[in-house]
Amino acid sequence: MIDSTQSQDEPKVADAGWPADGAWPADGAALVADDAAVADDVAATSVNVTLADELGFDVSELPGGAVAALEAVLMVADEPVPAVQLATALALPTATVEALLADLAAEYRGETGGRARGFELRRAGEGWRIYSAAAFADVVGRFVLEGQTARLTQAALETLAVVAYRQPVSRGQVSAVRGVNVETVMRTLTTRGLVAEVSIDESSGAVLYGTTSYFLERMGLRSVEDLPPLAPYLPDLDAFEGVDSVAGLWESS
């Protein structure tokens, strides 16, 4: 039976309270927005829990929490690290890590009430890295220069010998001769001014290194031709042809 008080052409009002004119009330829109925000939070939390379970730890349970974990990772980074990579390592959302990075950078600059640090966290390119503060450049420079007077380690001497007798030589070839990763040692020798980049290998694109005039000065030589006849005891570099194409294996070892 049709209700005589309502025309057949009139739209019926739903039990849930939908208005007859079809307009959505303002408070209803707010409820939908709140529900969407809650759903996003739940999804993000689920992702965090899943990542933490996969990695076997939760950074929030570590001493100092996520901030301390982030600092620990940044301390061992030798190049700028993208926020997304840091987020993956810490099993945190990228947005959370970016906020933590900004807070740390401000804290190191003394903008949060504490003292300014001798180091700073800066964005470099697409990543973040901790650097010594620019205000202390003179102090750091003096320390580095004085450190160059320290004696070279056995590993550094062996690496320097390979470069001297087989130059120009790539870092991959030096690693192949010595049988170990020489990235850190080569950086030390370069910092001390004993070796330097001299050219690029056209076939592999690898950087080639050679000794410097400072090396000759320290050795008391006029040229590398004055080096003692040690070369016959070193393997010929032709035996390591193509080693630079797999140099990444040495770098990651």
Protein backbone atom coordinates (compact mmCIF):
# COMPACT_ATOMS: atom_id res chain seq x y z
CA MET A 1 0.00 0.00 0.00
CA ILE A 2 1.28 3.43 -0.95
CA ASP A 3 1.46 6.07 1.77
CA SER A 4 -1.04 8.74 0.85
CA THR A 5 1.14 11.38 2.51
CA GLN A 6 4.03 10.78 0.10
CA SER A 7 3.97 11.07 -3.67
CA GLN A 8 5.30 8.19 -5.73
CA ASP A 9 7.65 10.64 -7.47
CA GLU A 10 9.21 11.86 -4.20
CA PRO A 11 12.60 10.33 -3.38
CA LYS A 12 12.54 8.31 -0.20
CA VAL A 13 14.88 9.27 2.61
CA ALA A 14 17.29 6.43 3.47
CA ASP A 15 17.30 4.99 6.94
CA ALA A 16 20.92 6.10 7.39
CA GLY A 17 19.80 9.74 7.25
CA TRP A 18 20.62 10.69 3.64
CA PRO A 19 18.79 14.03 2.98
CA ALA A 20 16.01 14.20 0.48
CA ASP A 21 17.81 16.79 -1.62
CA GLY A 22 20.84 14.47 -2.04
CA ALA A 23 23.24 16.97 -0.43
CA TRP A 24 25.93 15.54 1.87
CA PRO A 25 26.08 17.40 5.19
CA ALA A 26 29.34 19.15 6.17
CA ASP A 27 29.78 17.01 9.28
CA GLY A 28 29.34 13.89 7.15
CA ALA A 29 32.19 14.99 4.85
CA ALA A 30 34.36 15.54 7.89
CA LEU A 31 33.58 12.04 9.10
CA VAL A 32 34.62 10.59 5.73
CA ALA A 33 37.90 12.56 5.84
CA ASP A 34 38.57 11.33 9.38
CA ASP A 35 37.86 7.76 8.35
CA ALA A 36 40.32 8.09 5.44
CA ALA A 37 43.03 9.48 7.74
CA VAL A 38 42.48 6.63 10.18
CA ALA A 39 42.71 4.12 7.34
CA ASP A 40 46.02 5.65 6.21
CA ASP A 41 47.40 5.49 9.75
CA VAL A 42 46.35 1.87 10.09
CA ALA A 43 47.96 1.01 6.74
CA ALA A 44 51.19 2.78 7.68
CA THR A 45 51.26 1.03 11.03
CA SER A 46 50.70 -2.32 9.34
CA VAL A 47 53.61 -1.67 6.98
CA ASN A 48 55.87 -0.69 9.88
CA VAL A 49 54.98 -3.80 11.83
CA THR A 50 55.56 -5.97 8.76
CA LEU A 51 58.97 -4.41 8.07
CA ALA A 52 60.00 -4.69 11.72
CA ASP A 53 58.95 -8.34 11.76
CA GLU A 54 60.94 -9.04 8.59
CA LEU A 55 64.07 -7.34 9.96
CA GLY A 56 63.73 -8.93 13.38
CA PHE A 57 63.90 -5.67 15.36
CA ASP A 58 62.00 -2.49 16.11
CA VAL A 59 64.10 0.69 16.22
CA SER A 60 61.75 2.20 18.79
CA GLU A 61 62.90 -0.46 21.26
CA LEU A 62 66.60 0.32 20.79
CA PRO A 63 68.44 2.63 23.23
CA GLY A 64 67.60 6.18 22.16
CA GLY A 65 64.90 4.98 19.79
CA ALA A 66 64.64 5.76 16.08
CA VAL A 67 66.68 8.98 16.37
CA ALA A 68 69.69 7.18 17.83
CA ALA A 69 69.40 4.41 15.23
CA LEU A 70 69.35 7.01 12.48
CA GLU A 71 72.47 8.68 13.89
CA ALA A 72 74.26 5.32 14.06
CA VAL A 73 73.62 4.66 10.37
CA LEU A 74 74.68 8.17 9.35
CA MET A 75 77.93 7.84 11.31
CA VAL A 76 79.15 4.95 9.13
CA ALA A 77 77.99 6.42 5.80
CA ASP A 78 80.89 7.53 3.58
CA GLU A 79 78.59 9.20 1.05
CA PRO A 80 75.17 10.94 1.16
CA VAL A 81 72.37 8.45 1.83
CA PRO A 82 68.85 9.04 0.41
CA ALA A 83 66.03 9.24 2.95
CA VAL A 84 64.27 6.28 1.33
CA GLN A 85 67.35 4.11 1.86
CA LEU A 86 67.55 5.17 5.50
CA ALA A 87 63.85 4.42 5.88
CA THR A 88 64.38 0.93 4.52
CA ALA A 89 67.24 0.27 6.93
CA LEU A 90 65.23 1.49 9.92
CA ALA A 91 61.90 -0.04 8.83
CA LEU A 92 60.20 3.35 9.07
CA PRO A 93 58.07 5.41 6.66
CA THR A 94 60.13 7.75 4.49
CA ALA A 95 58.15 10.76 5.71
CA THR A 96 59.00 9.89 9.31
CA VAL A 97 62.71 9.60 8.50
CA GLU A 98 62.69 12.92 6.62
CA ALA A 99 61.14 14.59 9.66
CA LEU A 100 63.77 13.03 11.95
CA LEU A 101 66.55 14.22 9.63
CA ALA A 102 65.24 17.77 9.69
CA ASP A 103 64.99 17.68 13.50
CA LEU A 104 68.54 16.34 13.84
CA ALA A 105 69.94 18.97 11.49
CA ALA A 106 68.28 21.70 13.56
CA GLU A 107 69.52 20.14 16.81
CA TYR A 108 73.12 19.99 15.57
CA ARG A 109 72.93 23.66 14.59
CA GLY A 110 71.83 24.52 18.13
CA GLU A 111 68.39 25.69 17.06
CA THR A 112 66.52 23.56 19.63
CA GLY A 113 68.05 25.11 22.72
CA GLY A 114 71.21 23.02 23.03
CA ARG A 115 74.74 23.96 22.04
CA ALA A 116 75.84 23.99 18.42
CA ARG A 117 77.86 20.92 17.48
CA GLY A 118 81.19 20.71 15.70
CA PHE A 119 79.48 18.67 13.00
CA GLU A 120 76.33 19.16 10.98
CA LEU A 121 73.83 17.09 9.09
CA ARG A 122 73.39 18.36 5.55
CA ARG A 123 71.46 17.36 2.47
CA ALA A 124 73.91 16.73 -0.35
CA GLY A 125 72.44 15.92 -3.74
CA GLU A 126 69.73 13.32 -3.18
CA GLY A 127 70.98 12.18 0.22
CA TRP A 128 72.02 13.15 3.73
CA ARG A 129 75.42 12.95 5.41
CA ILE A 130 77.18 14.19 8.54
CA TYR A 131 80.02 16.65 7.90
CA SER A 132 82.34 18.67 10.11
CA ALA A 133 80.93 22.18 10.54
CA ALA A 134 82.35 24.79 8.18
CA ALA A 135 83.26 27.04 11.12
CA PHE A 136 85.93 24.54 12.18
CA ALA A 137 87.58 24.13 8.76
CA ASP A 138 90.92 25.56 9.96
CA VAL A 139 91.07 23.24 12.97
CA VAL A 140 90.16 20.18 10.93
CA GLY A 141 92.63 21.13 8.20
CA ARG A 142 95.46 21.45 10.70
CA PHE A 143 94.63 18.04 12.15
CA VAL A 144 94.54 16.38 8.73
CA LEU A 145 97.86 17.91 7.65
CA GLU A 146 99.58 16.93 10.88
CA GLY A 147 98.18 13.43 10.51
CA GLN A 148 100.02 13.08 7.21
CA THR A 149 103.32 12.91 9.08
CA ALA A 150 102.28 9.61 10.65
CA ARG A 151 103.96 6.51 9.27
CA LEU A 152 102.16 4.50 6.61
CA THR A 153 100.81 1.09 7.52
CA GLN A 154 102.15 -2.06 5.87
CA ALA A 155 99.00 -2.28 3.77
CA ALA A 156 99.48 1.31 2.57
CA LEU A 157 103.14 0.69 1.70
CA GLU A 158 102.26 -2.42 -0.31
CA THR A 159 99.50 -0.58 -2.16
CA LEU A 160 101.78 2.36 -2.86
CA ALA A 161 104.40 -0.01 -4.27
CA VAL A 162 101.89 -1.53 -6.69
CA VAL A 163 100.84 1.91 -7.91
CA ALA A 164 104.45 3.09 -8.23
CA TYR A 165 105.65 0.10 -10.25
CA ARG A 166 102.54 -0.52 -12.34
CA GLN A 167 101.23 3.02 -12.96
CA PRO A 168 98.98 4.09 -14.47
CA VAL A 169 96.83 1.50 -12.71
CA SER A 170 93.19 1.29 -11.69
CA ARG A 171 91.98 0.64 -8.18
CA GLY A 172 90.48 -2.65 -9.34
CA GLN A 173 93.83 -3.78 -10.70
CA VAL A 174 95.56 -2.87 -7.45
CA SER A 175 92.94 -4.86 -5.56
CA ALA A 176 93.52 -7.82 -7.87
CA VAL A 177 97.29 -7.73 -7.28
CA ARG A 178 96.96 -7.46 -3.51
CA GLY A 179 93.95 -9.75 -3.21
CA VAL A 180 92.05 -7.37 -0.92
CA ASN A 181 89.85 -4.30 -1.15
CA VAL A 182 92.12 -1.23 -1.32
CA GLU A 183 89.48 1.50 -1.41
CA THR A 184 90.29 2.86 2.07
CA VAL A 185 94.05 2.61 1.57
CA MET A 186 93.87 4.37 -1.80
CA ARG A 187 91.84 7.15 -0.20
CA THR A 188 94.54 7.53 2.46
CA LEU A 189 97.32 7.67 -0.12
CA THR A 190 95.36 10.22 -2.16
CA THR A 191 94.70 12.36 0.92
CA ARG A 192 98.39 12.39 1.74
CA GLY A 193 99.23 13.48 -1.78
CA LEU A 194 101.27 10.37 -2.63
CA VAL A 195 99.01 9.15 -5.46
CA ALA A 196 96.54 10.95 -7.69
CA GLU A 197 94.13 10.35 -10.56
CA VAL A 198 96.07 10.66 -13.80
CA SER A 199 93.71 9.48 -16.54
CA ILE A 200 90.71 7.35 -17.48
CA ASP A 201 90.95 3.91 -19.05
CA GLU A 202 89.18 4.25 -22.42
CA SER A 203 88.09 0.62 -22.59
CA SER A 204 86.63 0.25 -19.08
CA GLY A 205 86.10 3.84 -17.95
CA ALA A 206 88.02 3.12 -14.75
CA VAL A 207 90.04 5.87 -13.08
CA LEU A 208 93.79 5.30 -13.38
CA TYR A 209 96.16 6.31 -10.61
CA GLY A 210 99.83 7.21 -10.53
CA THR A 211 102.35 8.59 -8.07
CA THR A 212 102.84 12.33 -7.58
CA SER A 213 105.80 14.68 -7.50
CA TYR A 214 105.40 14.73 -3.72
CA PHE A 215 105.96 10.95 -3.72
CA LEU A 216 109.21 11.42 -5.64
CA GLU A 217 110.24 14.18 -3.24
CA ARG A 218 109.59 12.00 -0.21
CA MET A 219 111.45 9.09 -1.81
CA GLY A 220 114.34 11.29 -2.90
CA LEU A 221 113.92 10.34 -6.57
CA ARG A 222 114.02 12.40 -9.74
CA SER A 223 111.58 10.12 -11.61
CA VAL A 224 109.90 6.74 -11.28
CA GLU A 225 112.65 5.30 -13.51
CA ASP A 226 114.96 5.67 -10.49
CA LEU A 227 112.91 3.18 -8.46
CA PRO A 228 114.77 0.01 -7.40
CA PRO A 229 114.26 -2.94 -9.79
CA LEU A 230 111.32 -4.56 -8.00
CA ALA A 231 108.92 -4.74 -10.96
CA PRO A 232 109.90 -8.28 -12.09
CA TYR A 233 108.43 -9.59 -8.83
CA LEU A 234 105.02 -8.09 -9.53
CA PRO A 235 102.50 -9.80 -11.84
CA ASP A 236 101.96 -8.24 -15.24
CA LEU A 237 98.78 -6.18 -15.47
CA ASP A 238 97.80 -7.98 -18.67
CA ALA A 239 96.88 -10.90 -16.43
CA PHE A 240 94.15 -8.72 -14.92
CA GLU A 241 92.58 -7.54 -18.15
CA GLY A 242 88.88 -6.87 -17.63
CA VAL A 243 89.15 -6.78 -13.85
CA ASP A 244 87.65 -3.29 -13.75
CA SER A 245 84.38 -4.62 -15.15
CA VAL A 246 83.91 -6.54 -11.91
CA ALA A 247 85.57 -4.00 -9.64
CA GLY A 248 82.31 -3.67 -7.76
CA LEU A 249 82.90 -7.11 -6.30
CA TRP A 250 86.06 -5.84 -4.66
CA GLU A 251 84.34 -2.72 -3.39
CA SER A 252 81.60 -4.73 -1.69
CA SER A 253 83.88 -7.32 -0.17
